């Protein structure tokens, strides 16, 4: 999703950029005032449009109820490195107390 990085923590910017460039972990939705963080290993995308449409519909249902969320897609089909990257990124997100 553009030039947006996964993490704003200085020591982890290089890692977040590396994971995004390889498309191992991507933000599929971002919201400044997100109430929830949705972490998924299935999400429809250009290469696989039928890969997890039920997750997208669930997120859209939450939005219809007024619940805003960020969606972090860990592309596990690309190998164990995607899960490792996702775990590190999610751990760093846990340090932030102003969201979720």
C-alpha atoms as a PDB file:
ATOM      1  CA  UNK A   1       0.000   0.000   0.000  1.00  0.00           C
ATOM      2  CA  UNK A   2       2.212   2.802  -1.201  1.00  0.00           C
ATOM      3  CA  UNK A   3       5.151   4.183   0.742  1.00  0.00           C
ATOM      4  CA  UNK A   4       3.478   3.626   4.106  1.00  0.00           C
ATOM      5  CA  UNK A   5       5.646   1.617   6.472  1.00  0.00           C
ATOM      6  CA  UNK A   6       4.340  -1.011   8.843  1.00  0.00           C
ATOM      7  CA  UNK A   7       6.023   0.439  11.902  1.00  0.00           C
ATOM      8  CA  UNK A   8       7.074   3.946  12.884  1.00  0.00           C
ATOM      9  CA  UNK A   9       9.620   2.705  15.427  1.00  0.00           C
ATOM     10  CA  UNK A  10      13.061   3.824  14.231  1.00  0.00           C
ATOM     11  CA  UNK A  11      14.919   0.528  14.868  1.00  0.00           C
ATOM     12  CA  UNK A  12      12.274  -1.417  13.001  1.00  0.00           C
ATOM     13  CA  UNK A  13      11.722   0.779   9.962  1.00  0.00           C
ATOM     14  CA  UNK A  14      14.312  -1.123   7.936  1.00  0.00           C
ATOM     15  CA  UNK A  15      12.706  -4.421   8.839  1.00  0.00           C
ATOM     16  CA  UNK A  16       9.179  -3.218   8.085  1.00  0.00           C
ATOM     17  CA  UNK A  17      10.285  -1.876   4.713  1.00  0.00           C
ATOM     18  CA  UNK A  18      12.076  -5.148   3.915  1.00  0.00           C
ATOM     19  CA  UNK A  19       8.952  -7.204   4.742  1.00  0.00           C
ATOM     20  CA  UNK A  20       6.719  -4.896   2.696  1.00  0.00           C
ATOM     21  CA  UNK A  21       9.020  -4.858  -0.331  1.00  0.00           C
ATOM     22  CA  UNK A  22       8.893  -8.643  -0.409  1.00  0.00           C
ATOM     23  CA  UNK A  23       5.118  -8.548   0.164  1.00  0.00           C
ATOM     24  CA  UNK A  24       5.445 -10.974   3.090  1.00  0.00           C
ATOM     25  CA  UNK A  25       3.305  -8.787   5.341  1.00  0.00           C
ATOM     26  CA  UNK A  26       1.082  -6.012   4.001  1.00  0.00           C
ATOM     27  CA  UNK A  27      -1.446  -3.541   5.346  1.00  0.00           C
ATOM     28  CA  UNK A  28      -4.645  -4.078   3.403  1.00  0.00           C
ATOM     29  CA  UNK A  29      -6.584  -1.405   5.281  1.00  0.00           C
ATOM     30  CA  UNK A  30      -5.386   1.451   7.450  1.00  0.00           C
ATOM     31  CA  UNK A  31      -7.418   3.907   9.467  1.00  0.00           C
ATOM     32  CA  UNK A  32      -6.166   6.754  11.658  1.00  0.00           C
ATOM     33  CA  UNK A  33      -8.833   6.066  14.254  1.00  0.00           C
ATOM     34  CA  UNK A  34      -8.886   2.252  14.143  1.00  0.00           C
ATOM     35  CA  UNK A  35     -10.669   0.491  16.977  1.00  0.00           C
ATOM     36  CA  UNK A  36      -9.399  -3.003  16.176  1.00  0.00           C
ATOM     37  CA  UNK A  37      -6.464  -4.692  14.517  1.00  0.00           C
ATOM     38  CA  UNK A  38      -7.417  -7.606  12.289  1.00  0.00           C
ATOM     39  CA  UNK A  39      -4.538  -9.990  11.618  1.00  0.00           C
ATOM     40  CA  UNK A  40      -5.182 -12.560   8.925  1.00  0.00           C
ATOM     41  CA  UNK A  41      -3.348 -15.015   6.726  1.00  0.00           C
ATOM     42  CA  UNK A  42      -6.054 -14.931   4.029  1.00  0.00           C
ATOM     43  CA  UNK A  43      -7.215 -11.874   2.090  1.00  0.00           C
ATOM     44  CA  UNK A  44      -8.354 -11.498  -1.522  1.00  0.00           C
ATOM     45  CA  UNK A  45      -5.730  -9.842  -3.708  1.00  0.00           C
ATOM     46  CA  UNK A  46      -4.870  -9.482  -7.384  1.00  0.00           C
ATOM     47  CA  UNK A  47      -3.051 -12.816  -7.692  1.00  0.00           C
ATOM     48  CA  UNK A  48      -5.691 -14.685  -5.641  1.00  0.00           C
ATOM     49  CA  UNK A  49      -9.049 -12.876  -5.759  1.00  0.00           C
ATOM     50  CA  UNK A  50     -10.872 -15.806  -4.124  1.00  0.00           C
ATOM     51  CA  UNK A  51      -8.390 -16.126  -1.253  1.00  0.00           C
ATOM     52  CA  UNK A  52     -10.360 -15.356   1.913  1.00  0.00           C
ATOM     53  CA  UNK A  53     -13.301 -13.233   0.752  1.00  0.00           C
ATOM     54  CA  UNK A  54     -15.112 -14.169   3.967  1.00  0.00           C
ATOM     55  CA  UNK A  55     -12.511 -12.221   5.952  1.00  0.00           C
ATOM     56  CA  UNK A  56     -13.014  -9.140   3.776  1.00  0.00           C
ATOM     57  CA  UNK A  57     -16.795  -9.443   4.205  1.00  0.00           C
ATOM     58  CA  UNK A  58     -16.350  -9.686   7.981  1.00  0.00           C
ATOM     59  CA  UNK A  59     -14.241  -6.521   7.995  1.00  0.00           C
ATOM     60  CA  UNK A  60     -16.836  -4.749   5.839  1.00  0.00           C
ATOM     61  CA  UNK A  61     -19.532  -5.898   8.277  1.00  0.00           C
ATOM     62  CA  UNK A  62     -17.635  -4.386  11.197  1.00  0.00           C
ATOM     63  CA  UNK A  63     -17.257  -1.137   9.263  1.00  0.00           C
ATOM     64  CA  UNK A  64     -21.009  -1.092   8.594  1.00  0.00           C
ATOM     65  CA  UNK A  65     -21.495  -1.218  12.377  1.00  0.00           C
ATOM     66  CA  UNK A  66     -19.144   1.734  12.813  1.00  0.00           C
ATOM     67  CA  UNK A  67     -16.162  -0.293  14.005  1.00  0.00           C
ATOM     68  CA  UNK A  68     -13.019   0.876  12.221  1.00  0.00           C
ATOM     69  CA  UNK A  69     -10.125  -1.491  11.774  1.00  0.00           C
ATOM     70  CA  UNK A  70      -6.667  -1.951  10.341  1.00  0.00           C
ATOM     71  CA  UNK A  71      -6.064  -5.182   8.428  1.00  0.00           C
ATOM     72  CA  UNK A  72      -2.616  -6.778   8.520  1.00  0.00           C
ATOM     73  CA  UNK A  73      -2.254  -9.564   5.961  1.00  0.00           C
ATOM     74  CA  UNK A  74       0.472 -12.095   6.757  1.00  0.00           C
ATOM     75  CA  UNK A  75       1.060 -13.918   3.482  1.00  0.00           C
ATOM     76  CA  UNK A  76       1.744 -17.323   4.975  1.00  0.00           C
ATOM     77  CA  UNK A  77       1.508 -19.026   1.588  1.00  0.00           C
ATOM     78  CA  UNK A  78       4.891 -17.417   0.852  1.00  0.00           C
ATOM     79  CA  UNK A  79       6.586 -19.442   3.573  1.00  0.00           C
ATOM     80  CA  UNK A  80       7.484 -19.412   7.225  1.00  0.00           C
ATOM     81  CA  UNK A  81       9.417 -16.144   6.832  1.00  0.00           C
ATOM     82  CA  UNK A  82       6.087 -14.332   6.415  1.00  0.00           C
ATOM     83  CA  UNK A  83       4.885 -15.604   9.789  1.00  0.00           C
ATOM     84  CA  UNK A  84       8.185 -14.678  11.431  1.00  0.00           C
ATOM     85  CA  UNK A  85       7.956 -11.149  10.003  1.00  0.00           C
ATOM     86  CA  UNK A  86       4.335 -10.877  11.078  1.00  0.00           C
ATOM     87  CA  UNK A  87       5.168 -11.963  14.626  1.00  0.00           C
ATOM     88  CA  UNK A  88       7.907  -9.353  14.950  1.00  0.00           C
ATOM     89  CA  UNK A  89       5.727  -6.591  13.531  1.00  0.00           C
ATOM     90  CA  UNK A  90       2.738  -7.472  15.716  1.00  0.00           C
ATOM     91  CA  UNK A  91       4.979  -7.598  18.780  1.00  0.00           C
ATOM     92  CA  UNK A  92       6.223  -4.090  18.042  1.00  0.00           C
ATOM     93  CA  UNK A  93       2.673  -2.858  17.477  1.00  0.00           C
ATOM     94  CA  UNK A  94       1.832  -4.103  20.979  1.00  0.00           C
ATOM     95  CA  UNK A  95       4.157  -1.471  22.414  1.00  0.00           C
ATOM     96  CA  UNK A  96       1.874   1.277  21.113  1.00  0.00           C
ATOM     97  CA  UNK A  97      -0.859   2.040  23.614  1.00  0.00           C
ATOM     98  CA  UNK A  98      -2.670   4.742  21.620  1.00  0.00           C
ATOM     99  CA  UNK A  99      -4.333   2.300  19.204  1.00  0.00           C
ATOM    100  CA  UNK A 100      -6.408  -0.859  19.408  1.00  0.00           C
END
